[in-house]
Amino acid sequence: MVSDFVKAILEELSKYKVESVHSVTLVIGKMTNLGGEQMEFAYEIITRGTILEGSALVIEEEDIILGCAACGYEGPARNLDFGQYSEEHAIPILSCPECGGPVTVLAGQTCSVKGIDIEEAV
């Protein structure tokens, strides 16, 4: 996954005269189950020897938003309750929190590059 991002970013940067890259910002939906720490570690390894080496990987989490056609609900999903471990192991319930009906996932599945902070060569 991270290698695909890095490959795409390097391909895009090759079109410009880039002196250095300060940071890369990704938007990662909570439904992707991609771990931030693991992604940062992989990014550090994969970017070695490239123009991205030493740049910061900034990860913005996208919350899960559900929509229900039956009752009109639009909002966050509830999670299964695991007591004290609920925050660490959140598993969304993909049914309407209001009426229990089927839902459409409106947000939370994103996995994209939001921006790249670069310094252009003069």
Protein backbone atom coordinates (compact mmCIF):
# COMPACT_ATOMS: atom_id res chain seq x y z
CA MET A 1 0.00 0.00 0.00
CA VAL A 2 2.62 2.57 1.04
CA SER A 3 4.86 1.55 -1.84
CA ASP A 4 1.99 2.32 -4.25
CA PHE A 5 1.62 5.79 -2.75
CA VAL A 6 5.35 6.43 -2.92
CA LYS A 7 5.54 5.24 -6.53
CA ALA A 8 2.65 7.51 -7.57
CA ILE A 9 4.10 10.50 -5.70
CA LEU A 10 7.55 10.04 -7.22
CA GLU A 11 5.99 9.77 -10.67
CA GLU A 12 4.10 13.03 -10.13
CA LEU A 13 7.15 14.82 -8.70
CA SER A 14 9.24 13.80 -11.72
CA LYS A 15 7.16 16.27 -13.77
CA TYR A 16 8.51 19.22 -11.77
CA LYS A 17 11.83 20.69 -10.68
CA VAL A 18 11.70 19.70 -7.02
CA GLU A 19 14.60 20.51 -4.74
CA SER A 20 13.15 18.87 -1.62
CA VAL A 21 9.95 17.51 -0.12
CA HIS A 22 8.96 18.65 3.35
CA SER A 23 5.87 16.51 3.85
CA VAL A 24 3.27 14.29 2.23
CA THR A 25 -0.29 14.37 3.56
CA LEU A 26 -2.54 11.34 3.17
CA VAL A 27 -6.24 11.02 3.98
CA ILE A 28 -6.97 7.56 5.35
CA GLY A 29 -10.50 6.44 6.16
CA LYS A 30 -11.09 4.58 9.40
CA MET A 31 -12.69 1.71 7.47
CA THR A 32 -9.41 0.99 5.68
CA ASN A 33 -7.89 -0.33 8.92
CA LEU A 34 -4.50 1.03 7.84
CA GLY A 35 -2.34 1.67 10.90
CA GLY A 36 -0.66 5.05 11.03
CA GLU A 37 2.47 3.88 12.83
CA GLN A 38 2.98 1.01 10.41
CA MET A 39 2.47 3.32 7.44
CA GLU A 40 4.98 5.84 8.83
CA PHE A 41 7.56 3.09 9.39
CA ALA A 42 7.07 1.69 5.88
CA TYR A 43 7.22 5.21 4.40
CA GLU A 44 10.54 5.87 6.11
CA ILE A 45 12.02 2.63 4.73
CA ILE A 46 10.57 2.87 1.21
CA THR A 47 11.57 6.51 0.67
CA ARG A 48 15.27 5.95 1.43
CA GLY A 49 17.42 7.05 -1.47
CA THR A 50 14.59 9.07 -3.08
CA ILE A 51 13.68 12.76 -3.03
CA LEU A 52 11.10 11.86 -0.38
CA GLU A 53 13.74 10.68 2.09
CA GLY A 54 13.48 12.66 5.32
CA SER A 55 10.06 14.10 4.51
CA ALA A 56 7.27 13.83 7.07
CA LEU A 57 4.28 11.59 6.43
CA VAL A 58 1.17 13.33 7.75
CA ILE A 59 -1.92 11.15 8.09
CA GLU A 60 -5.37 12.69 8.42
CA GLU A 61 -8.06 10.26 9.55
CA GLU A 62 -11.44 10.32 7.85
CA ASP A 63 -14.34 9.37 10.11
CA ILE A 64 -16.97 6.87 9.05
CA ILE A 65 -20.20 8.55 7.97
CA LEU A 66 -23.30 6.49 7.16
CA GLY A 67 -26.47 7.36 5.29
CA CYS A 68 -29.81 5.60 5.69
CA ALA A 69 -32.39 5.82 2.90
CA ALA A 70 -35.17 4.48 5.15
CA CYS A 71 -35.12 7.15 7.87
CA GLY A 72 -32.81 9.81 6.46
CA TYR A 73 -30.08 9.38 9.08
CA GLU A 74 -26.69 10.77 8.08
CA GLY A 75 -23.92 10.63 10.63
CA PRO A 76 -21.31 8.56 12.39
CA ALA A 77 -21.44 4.81 12.80
CA ARG A 78 -21.72 3.24 16.22
CA ASN A 79 -18.96 0.84 17.23
CA LEU A 80 -19.12 -2.54 18.93
CA ASP A 81 -18.42 -2.05 22.63
CA PHE A 82 -15.29 -3.80 23.86
CA GLY A 83 -15.21 -1.99 27.19
CA GLN A 84 -11.84 -0.44 27.94
CA TYR A 85 -10.49 -1.58 24.55
CA SER A 86 -13.17 0.14 22.44
CA GLU A 87 -10.92 3.01 21.31
CA GLU A 88 -8.09 0.70 20.24
CA HIS A 89 -10.25 -1.88 18.49
CA ALA A 90 -13.18 0.07 17.07
CA ILE A 91 -15.36 -2.06 14.81
CA PRO A 92 -18.14 -0.07 13.18
CA ILE A 93 -21.69 -1.39 13.12
CA LEU A 94 -22.86 -0.97 9.53
CA SER A 95 -26.55 -0.53 10.17
CA CYS A 96 -28.51 2.62 10.90
CA PRO A 97 -28.01 3.76 14.51
CA GLU A 98 -31.56 5.17 14.50
CA CYS A 99 -33.76 2.58 12.77
CA GLY A 100 -31.44 -0.43 12.37
CA GLY A 101 -31.92 -0.45 8.58
CA PRO A 102 -29.29 -0.91 5.86
CA VAL A 103 -26.91 1.98 5.23
CA THR A 104 -24.61 3.39 2.60
CA VAL A 105 -21.08 4.31 3.65
CA LEU A 106 -20.69 7.98 2.70
CA ALA A 107 -17.20 8.53 4.13
CA GLY A 108 -14.46 6.56 5.81
CA GLN A 109 -13.10 4.48 2.94
CA THR A 110 -10.76 7.09 1.46
CA CYS A 111 -7.13 6.32 0.86
CA SER A 112 -5.59 9.22 -1.06
CA VAL A 113 -2.84 11.81 -1.26
CA LYS A 114 -4.18 15.16 -0.08
CA GLY A 115 -1.06 17.23 -0.65
CA ILE A 116 2.70 17.38 -1.03
CA ASP A 117 4.68 20.24 0.50
CA ILE A 118 7.69 20.79 -1.76
CA GLU A 119 10.46 23.27 -2.32
CA GLU A 120 10.93 23.95 -5.99
CA ALA A 121 14.37 24.31 -7.53
CA VAL A 122 15.11 27.74 -8.95
